[in-house]
């Protein structure tokens, strides 16, 4: 039972091609990075402003209700 080296050779060649890919950023990659930065800045601005969406507010109310129920159960 002798195993073939073809899969190893193919994987090695693909790894070399992947590593030898373009080192310079193209316009699409630069635009994508700018979009990522804009999204991060917007997310940070919303967090800094302390604004919450309806789902986050509902989640906090549920958490408070669960805590109240735990306290009531412990008191009984």
PDB file of N, CA and C in Angstrom:
ATOM      1  N   UNK A   1       0.842  -1.181   0.000  1.00  0.00           N
ATOM      2  CA  UNK A   1       0.000   0.000   0.000  1.00  0.00           C
ATOM      3  C   UNK A   1       0.887   1.244   0.000  1.00  0.00           C
ATOM      4  N   UNK A   2       1.091   1.766  -1.140  1.00  0.00           N
ATOM      5  CA  UNK A   2       1.919   2.952  -1.267  1.00  0.00           C
ATOM      6  C   UNK A   2       0.997   4.142  -1.560  1.00  0.00           C
ATOM      7  N   UNK A   3       1.169   5.188  -0.774  1.00  0.00           N
ATOM      8  CA  UNK A   3       0.334   6.371  -0.960  1.00  0.00           C
ATOM      9  C   UNK A   3       0.949   7.275  -2.022  1.00  0.00           C
ATOM     10  N   UNK A   4       0.120   7.923  -2.753  1.00  0.00           N
ATOM     11  CA  UNK A   4       0.566   8.811  -3.804  1.00  0.00           C
ATOM     12  C   UNK A   4       0.979  10.159  -3.213  1.00  0.00           C
ATOM     13  N   UNK A   5       1.958  10.781  -3.819  1.00  0.00           N
ATOM     14  CA  UNK A   5       2.426  12.093  -3.379  1.00  0.00           C
ATOM     15  C   UNK A   5       1.696  13.226  -4.094  1.00  0.00           C
ATOM     16  N   UNK A   6       0.818  12.883  -5.018  1.00  0.00           N
ATOM     17  CA  UNK A   6       0.135  13.917  -5.793  1.00  0.00           C
ATOM     18  C   UNK A   6      -0.643  14.904  -4.912  1.00  0.00           C
ATOM     19  N   UNK A   7      -1.434  14.449  -3.942  1.00  0.00           N
ATOM     20  CA  UNK A   7      -2.160  15.429  -3.115  1.00  0.00           C
ATOM     21  C   UNK A   7      -1.219  16.375  -2.368  1.00  0.00           C
ATOM     22  N   UNK A   8      -0.106  15.861  -1.889  1.00  0.00           N
ATOM     23  CA  UNK A   8       0.859  16.695  -1.176  1.00  0.00           C
ATOM     24  C   UNK A   8       1.480  17.729  -2.111  1.00  0.00           C
ATOM     25  N   UNK A   9       1.789  17.318  -3.310  1.00  0.00           N
ATOM     26  CA  UNK A   9       2.384  18.227  -4.292  1.00  0.00           C
ATOM     27  C   UNK A   9       1.380  19.315  -4.674  1.00  0.00           C
ATOM     28  N   UNK A  10       0.147  18.916  -4.886  1.00  0.00           N
ATOM     29  CA  UNK A  10      -0.894  19.890  -5.263  1.00  0.00           C
ATOM     30  C   UNK A  10      -1.127  20.885  -4.134  1.00  0.00           C
ATOM     31  N   UNK A  11      -1.227  20.392  -2.905  1.00  0.00           N
ATOM     32  CA  UNK A  11      -1.431  21.293  -1.768  1.00  0.00           C
ATOM     33  C   UNK A  11      -0.251  22.236  -1.581  1.00  0.00           C
ATOM     34  N   UNK A  12       0.950  21.757  -1.776  1.00  0.00           N
ATOM     35  CA  UNK A  12       2.147  22.601  -1.673  1.00  0.00           C
ATOM     36  C   UNK A  12       2.131  23.694  -2.735  1.00  0.00           C
ATOM     37  N   UNK A  13       1.758  23.326  -3.952  1.00  0.00           N
ATOM     38  CA  UNK A  13       1.698  24.312  -5.033  1.00  0.00           C
ATOM     39  C   UNK A  13       0.640  25.374  -4.741  1.00  0.00           C
ATOM     40  N   UNK A  14      -0.516  24.954  -4.241  1.00  0.00           N
ATOM     41  CA  UNK A  14      -1.567  25.911  -3.913  1.00  0.00           C
ATOM     42  C   UNK A  14      -1.146  26.837  -2.776  1.00  0.00           C
ATOM     43  N   UNK A  15      -0.453  26.293  -1.792  1.00  0.00           N
ATOM     44  CA  UNK A  15       0.030  27.118  -0.685  1.00  0.00           C
ATOM     45  C   UNK A  15       1.031  28.159  -1.183  1.00  0.00           C
ATOM     46  N   UNK A  16       1.902  27.757  -2.078  1.00  0.00           N
ATOM     47  CA  UNK A  16       2.882  28.699  -2.643  1.00  0.00           C
ATOM     48  C   UNK A  16       2.182  29.804  -3.426  1.00  0.00           C
ATOM     49  N   UNK A  17       1.170  29.439  -4.188  1.00  0.00           N
ATOM     50  CA  UNK A  17       0.429  30.447  -4.954  1.00  0.00           C
ATOM     51  C   UNK A  17      -0.297  31.410  -4.028  1.00  0.00           C
ATOM     52  N   UNK A  18      -0.859  30.879  -2.960  1.00  0.00           N
ATOM     53  CA  UNK A  18      -1.577  31.736  -2.019  1.00  0.00           C
ATOM     54  C   UNK A  18      -0.626  32.703  -1.330  1.00  0.00           C
ATOM     55  N   UNK A  19       0.536  32.215  -0.962  1.00  0.00           N
ATOM     56  CA  UNK A  19       1.511  33.073  -0.292  1.00  0.00           C
ATOM     57  C   UNK A  19       2.154  34.067  -1.242  1.00  0.00           C
ATOM     58  N   UNK A  20       2.222  33.734  -2.508  1.00  0.00           N
ATOM     59  CA  UNK A  20       2.856  34.604  -3.486  1.00  0.00           C
ATOM     60  C   UNK A  20       1.855  35.566  -4.119  1.00  0.00           C
ATOM     61  N   UNK A  21       0.649  35.617  -3.589  1.00  0.00           N
ATOM     62  CA  UNK A  21      -0.376  36.504  -4.136  1.00  0.00           C
ATOM     63  C   UNK A  21       0.051  37.959  -4.061  1.00  0.00           C
ATOM     64  N   UNK A  22      -0.758  38.804  -4.606  1.00  0.00           N
ATOM     65  CA  UNK A  22      -0.441  40.228  -4.656  1.00  0.00           C
ATOM     66  C   UNK A  22      -0.150  40.763  -3.264  1.00  0.00           C
ATOM     67  N   UNK A  23       0.928  41.514  -3.163  1.00  0.00           N
ATOM     68  CA  UNK A  23       1.228  42.149  -1.890  1.00  0.00           C
ATOM     69  C   UNK A  23       0.646  43.553  -1.845  1.00  0.00           C
ATOM     70  N   UNK A  24       0.366  44.106  -3.010  1.00  0.00           N
ATOM     71  CA  UNK A  24      -0.228  45.438  -3.073  1.00  0.00           C
ATOM     72  C   UNK A  24      -1.740  45.328  -2.996  1.00  0.00           C
ATOM     73  N   UNK A  25      -2.332  46.298  -2.330  1.00  0.00           N
ATOM     74  CA  UNK A  25      -3.782  46.303  -2.196  1.00  0.00           C
ATOM     75  C   UNK A  25      -4.399  46.906  -3.453  1.00  0.00           C
ATOM     76  N   UNK A  26      -5.441  46.266  -3.894  1.00  0.00           N
ATOM     77  CA  UNK A  26      -6.162  46.783  -5.042  1.00  0.00           C
ATOM     78  C   UNK A  26      -7.225  47.771  -4.599  1.00  0.00           C
ATOM     79  N   UNK A  27      -7.886  48.408  -5.536  1.00  0.00           N
ATOM     80  CA  UNK A  27      -8.894  49.407  -5.178  1.00  0.00           C
ATOM     81  C   UNK A  27     -10.085  48.810  -4.424  1.00  0.00           C
ATOM     82  N   UNK A  28     -10.445  47.588  -4.740  1.00  0.00           N
ATOM     83  CA  UNK A  28     -11.573  46.963  -4.048  1.00  0.00           C
ATOM     84  C   UNK A  28     -11.218  46.678  -2.590  1.00  0.00           C
ATOM     85  N   UNK A  29      -9.998  46.221  -2.363  1.00  0.00           N
ATOM     86  CA  UNK A  29      -9.578  45.934  -0.983  1.00  0.00           C
ATOM     87  C   UNK A  29      -9.485  47.222  -0.172  1.00  0.00           C
ATOM     88  N   UNK A  30      -8.968  48.276  -0.766  1.00  0.00           N
ATOM     89  CA  UNK A  30      -8.894  49.564  -0.072  1.00  0.00           C
ATOM     90  C   UNK A  30     -10.283  50.097   0.243  1.00  0.00           C
ATOM     91  N   UNK A  31     -11.205  49.973  -0.701  1.00  0.00           N
ATOM     92  CA  UNK A  31     -12.579  50.428  -0.467  1.00  0.00           C
ATOM     93  C   UNK A  31     -13.224  49.606   0.643  1.00  0.00           C
ATOM     94  N   UNK A  32     -12.974  48.300   0.659  1.00  0.00           N
ATOM     95  CA  UNK A  32     -13.515  47.446   1.703  1.00  0.00           C
ATOM     96  C   UNK A  32     -13.003  47.824   3.076  1.00  0.00           C
ATOM     97  N   UNK A  33     -11.730  48.164   3.154  1.00  0.00           N
ATOM     98  CA  UNK A  33     -11.164  48.582   4.431  1.00  0.00           C
ATOM     99  C   UNK A  33     -11.771  49.898   4.890  1.00  0.00           C
ATOM    100  N   UNK A  34     -12.024  50.812   3.961  1.00  0.00           N
ATOM    101  CA  UNK A  34     -12.650  52.083   4.327  1.00  0.00           C
ATOM    102  C   UNK A  34     -14.063  51.854   4.839  1.00  0.00           C
ATOM    103  N   UNK A  35     -14.785  50.943   4.214  1.00  0.00           N
ATOM    104  CA  UNK A  35     -16.135  50.615   4.675  1.00  0.00           C
ATOM    105  C   UNK A  35     -16.068  50.021   6.073  1.00  0.00           C
ATOM    106  N   UNK A  36     -15.128  49.116   6.307  1.00  0.00           N
ATOM    107  CA  UNK A  36     -14.962  48.508   7.630  1.00  0.00           C
ATOM    108  C   UNK A  36     -14.683  49.573   8.685  1.00  0.00           C
ATOM    109  N   UNK A  37     -13.817  50.515   8.358  1.00  0.00           N
ATOM    110  CA  UNK A  37     -13.489  51.580   9.302  1.00  0.00           C
ATOM    111  C   UNK A  37     -14.713  52.451   9.593  1.00  0.00           C
ATOM    112  N   UNK A  38     -15.490  52.761   8.557  1.00  0.00           N
ATOM    113  CA  UNK A  38     -16.685  53.580   8.742  1.00  0.00           C
ATOM    114  C   UNK A  38     -17.699  52.871   9.630  1.00  0.00           C
ATOM    115  N   UNK A  39     -17.861  51.576   9.434  1.00  0.00           N
ATOM    116  CA  UNK A  39     -18.799  50.809  10.259  1.00  0.00           C
ATOM    117  C   UNK A  39     -18.336  50.794  11.711  1.00  0.00           C
ATOM    118  N   UNK A  40     -17.049  50.591  11.929  1.00  0.00           N
ATOM    119  CA  UNK A  40     -16.514  50.588  13.290  1.00  0.00           C
ATOM    120  C   UNK A  40     -16.712  51.941  13.961  1.00  0.00           C
ATOM    121  N   UNK A  41     -16.467  53.020  13.226  1.00  0.00           N
ATOM    122  CA  UNK A  41     -16.644  54.362  13.784  1.00  0.00           C
ATOM    123  C   UNK A  41     -18.104  54.615  14.125  1.00  0.00           C
ATOM    124  N   UNK A  42     -19.006  54.172  13.263  1.00  0.00           N
ATOM    125  CA  UNK A  42     -20.434  54.354  13.533  1.00  0.00           C
ATOM    126  C   UNK A  42     -20.852  53.550  14.754  1.00  0.00           C
ATOM    127  N   UNK A  43     -20.342  52.338  14.862  1.00  0.00           N
ATOM    128  CA  UNK A  43     -20.663  51.497  16.017  1.00  0.00           C
ATOM    129  C   UNK A  43     -20.149  52.134  17.305  1.00  0.00           C
ATOM    130  N   UNK A  44     -18.943  52.654  17.251  1.00  0.00           N
ATOM    131  CA  UNK A  44     -18.370  53.315  18.427  1.00  0.00           C
ATOM    132  C   UNK A  44     -19.165  54.553  18.802  1.00  0.00           C
ATOM    133  N   UNK A  45     -19.610  55.316  17.805  1.00  0.00           N
ATOM    134  CA  UNK A  45     -20.381  56.523  18.076  1.00  0.00           C
ATOM    135  C   UNK A  45     -21.704  56.184  18.754  1.00  0.00           C
ATOM    136  N   UNK A  46     -22.354  55.123  18.314  1.00  0.00           N
ATOM    137  CA  UNK A  46     -23.627  54.718  18.917  1.00  0.00           C
ATOM    138  C   UNK A  46     -23.395  54.249  20.350  1.00  0.00           C
ATOM    139  N   UNK A  47     -22.331  53.480  20.565  1.00  0.00           N
ATOM    140  CA  UNK A  47     -22.034  53.000  21.913  1.00  0.00           C
ATOM    141  C   UNK A  47     -21.689  54.153  22.835  1.00  0.00           C
ATOM    142  N   UNK A  48     -20.928  55.132  22.336  1.00  0.00           N
ATOM    143  CA  UNK A  48     -20.552  56.279  23.148  1.00  0.00           C
ATOM    144  C   UNK A  48     -21.759  57.137  23.489  1.00  0.00           C
ATOM    145  N   UNK A  49     -22.716  57.213  22.595  1.00  0.00           N
ATOM    146  CA  UNK A  49     -23.907  58.025  22.831  1.00  0.00           C
ATOM    147  C   UNK A  49     -24.850  57.350  23.823  1.00  0.00           C
ATOM    148  N   UNK A  50     -24.627  56.065  24.076  1.00  0.00           N
ATOM    149  CA  UNK A  50     -25.463  55.356  25.037  1.00  0.00           C
ATOM    150  C   UNK A  50     -26.830  54.986  24.496  1.00  0.00           C
ATOM    151  N   UNK A  51     -26.982  55.062  23.213  1.00  0.00           N
ATOM    152  CA  UNK A  51     -28.265  54.716  22.615  1.00  0.00           C
ATOM    153  C   UNK A  51     -28.397  53.206  22.549  1.00  0.00           C
ATOM    154  N   UNK A  52     -29.630  52.762  22.811  1.00  0.00           N
ATOM    155  CA  UNK A  52     -29.893  51.343  22.735  1.00  0.00           C
ATOM    156  C   UNK A  52     -31.030  51.108  21.749  1.00  0.00           C
ATOM    157  N   UNK A  53     -30.931  50.014  21.079  1.00  0.00           N
ATOM    158  CA  UNK A  53     -32.011  49.637  20.186  1.00  0.00           C
ATOM    159  C   UNK A  53     -33.102  48.943  20.963  1.00  0.00           C
ATOM    160  N   UNK A  54     -34.248  48.719  20.337  1.00  0.00           N
ATOM    161  CA  UNK A  54     -35.370  48.086  21.029  1.00  0.00           C
ATOM    162  C   UNK A  54     -35.057  46.669  21.505  1.00  0.00           C
ATOM    163  N   UNK A  55     -34.245  45.944  20.763  1.00  0.00           N
ATOM    164  CA  UNK A  55     -33.913  44.585  21.177  1.00  0.00           C
ATOM    165  C   UNK A  55     -33.054  44.601  22.436  1.00  0.00           C
ATOM    166  N   UNK A  56     -32.126  45.530  22.505  1.00  0.00           N
ATOM    167  CA  UNK A  56     -31.265  45.613  23.689  1.00  0.00           C
ATOM    168  C   UNK A  56     -32.076  46.044  24.908  1.00  0.00           C
ATOM    169  N   UNK A  57     -32.994  46.993  24.726  1.00  0.00           N
ATOM    170  CA  UNK A  57     -33.853  47.419  25.834  1.00  0.00           C
ATOM    171  C   UNK A  57     -34.726  46.265  26.320  1.00  0.00           C
ATOM    172  N   UNK A  58     -35.287  45.499  25.393  1.00  0.00           N
ATOM    173  CA  UNK A  58     -36.119  44.361  25.773  1.00  0.00           C
ATOM    174  C   UNK A  58     -35.289  43.325  26.520  1.00  0.00           C
ATOM    175  N   UNK A  59     -34.071  43.088  26.054  1.00  0.00           N
ATOM    176  CA  UNK A  59     -33.192  42.138  26.721  1.00  0.00           C
ATOM    177  C   UNK A  59     -32.878  42.556  28.145  1.00  0.00           C
ATOM    178  N   UNK A  60     -32.652  43.848  28.354  1.00  0.00           N
ATOM    179  CA  UNK A  60     -32.372  44.338  29.703  1.00  0.00           C
ATOM    180  C   UNK A  60     -33.597  44.181  30.607  1.00  0.00           C
ATOM    181  N   UNK A  61     -34.787  44.442  30.066  1.00  0.00           N
ATOM    182  CA  UNK A  61     -36.006  44.273  30.862  1.00  0.00           C
ATOM    183  C   UNK A  61     -36.208  42.807  31.240  1.00  0.00           C
ATOM    184  N   UNK A  62     -35.909  41.917  30.312  1.00  0.00           N
ATOM    185  CA  UNK A  62     -36.023  40.484  30.606  1.00  0.00           C
ATOM    186  C   UNK A  62     -35.034  40.097  31.700  1.00  0.00           C
ATOM    187  N   UNK A  63     -33.806  40.600  31.599  1.00  0.00           N
ATOM    188  CA  UNK A  63     -32.805  40.309  32.620  1.00  0.00           C
ATOM    189  C   UNK A  63     -33.261  40.802  33.997  1.00  0.00           C
ATOM    190  N   UNK A  64     -33.821  42.010  34.046  1.00  0.00           N
ATOM    191  CA  UNK A  64     -34.307  42.560  35.310  1.00  0.00           C
ATOM    192  C   UNK A  64     -35.439  41.711  35.878  1.00  0.00           C
ATOM    193  N   UNK A  65     -36.350  41.273  35.011  1.00  0.00           N
ATOM    194  CA  UNK A  65     -37.476  40.452  35.452  1.00  0.00           C
ATOM    195  C   UNK A  65     -36.996  39.119  36.011  1.00  0.00           C
ATOM    196  N   UNK A  66     -36.025  38.512  35.343  1.00  0.00           N
ATOM    197  CA  UNK A  66     -35.481  37.234  35.814  1.00  0.00           C
ATOM    198  C   UNK A  66     -34.814  37.420  37.177  1.00  0.00           C
ATOM    199  N   UNK A  67     -34.061  38.501  37.335  1.00  0.00           N
ATOM    200  CA  UNK A  67     -33.416  38.767  38.623  1.00  0.00           C
ATOM    201  C   UNK A  67     -34.453  38.969  39.721  1.00  0.00           C
ATOM    202  N   UNK A  68     -35.529  39.706  39.419  1.00  0.00           N
ATOM    203  CA  UNK A  68     -36.598  39.915  40.402  1.00  0.00           C
ATOM    204  C   UNK A  68     -37.243  38.593  40.779  1.00  0.00           C
ATOM    205  N   UNK A  69     -37.458  37.714  39.793  1.00  0.00           N
ATOM    206  CA  UNK A  69     -38.077  36.416  40.072  1.00  0.00           C
ATOM    207  C   UNK A  69     -37.161  35.553  40.940  1.00  0.00           C
ATOM    208  N   UNK A  70     -35.849  35.638  40.699  1.00  0.00           N
ATOM    209  CA  UNK A  70     -34.916  34.889  41.527  1.00  0.00           C
ATOM    210  C   UNK A  70     -34.938  35.368  42.961  1.00  0.00           C
ATOM    211  N   UNK A  71     -35.032  36.697  43.135  1.00  0.00           N
ATOM    212  CA  UNK A  71     -35.098  37.254  44.486  1.00  0.00           C
ATOM    213  C   UNK A  71     -36.371  36.833  45.190  1.00  0.00           C
ATOM    214  N   UNK A  72     -37.494  36.832  44.457  1.00  0.00           N
ATOM    215  CA  UNK A  72     -38.775  36.420  45.037  1.00  0.00           C
ATOM    216  C   UNK A  72     -38.727  34.956  45.446  1.00  0.00           C
ATOM    217  N   UNK A  73     -38.133  34.100  44.620  1.00  0.00           N
ATOM    218  CA  UNK A  73     -38.030  32.663  44.932  1.00  0.00           C
ATOM    219  C   UNK A  73     -37.132  32.446  46.156  1.00  0.00           C
ATOM    220  N   UNK A  74     -36.081  33.236  46.270  1.00  0.00           N
ATOM    221  CA  UNK A  74     -35.157  33.082  47.386  1.00  0.00           C
ATOM    222  C   UNK A  74     -35.816  33.549  48.693  1.00  0.00           C
ATOM    223  N   UNK A  75     -36.720  34.518  48.603  1.00  0.00           N
ATOM    224  CA  UNK A  75     -37.392  35.040  49.807  1.00  0.00           C
ATOM    225  C   UNK A  75     -38.425  34.053  50.327  1.00  0.00           C
ATOM    226  N   UNK A  76     -38.938  33.200  49.481  1.00  0.00           N
ATOM    227  CA  UNK A  76     -39.974  32.248  49.915  1.00  0.00           C
ATOM    228  C   UNK A  76     -39.433  31.091  50.625  1.00  0.00           C
TER     229      UNK A  76
END
